[in-house]
C-alpha cells in the first residue's frame, strides 16, 4: 500500500482514504501553480533590471531573448557589356526616326 505524506506528522493511505488523496493532489497542484506564478514574477523583475537580452539572466535560470540577425542577401549585378557596333547603329537609327516625326 502506498502512503502519502500530508505533512511531517501525518500520512494517508491511498486505498482507505481516496478523498484525502484527491485533496492532497489538489493541494500540490495549487502549490505548483503558485510557485510558477512567483517564478514568472521574479523573471519579469530580473528582465526589467538586467534587460531582456542580458546574459546575466542565465545564472538565475532564465533564457535571455536573442536578437534576430538578418542575413543580408547579396545580389550580384551583371557586369556592364561594352557597347557593340550593332547596338550603336540601332541607337542612332532610333534617334533618326524620332527627329522625323
Foldseek 3Di string as FASTA:
>chain_A
DDWDDPDDPDIDDCVVCVVVVVVSVVVVVVVVVVVVVVVVVVLVVVCVVQNQQDPVVVVVPDHRDDDDDDDDDDDDDDDDDPDDPVNVVVVVVVVVVVVVD
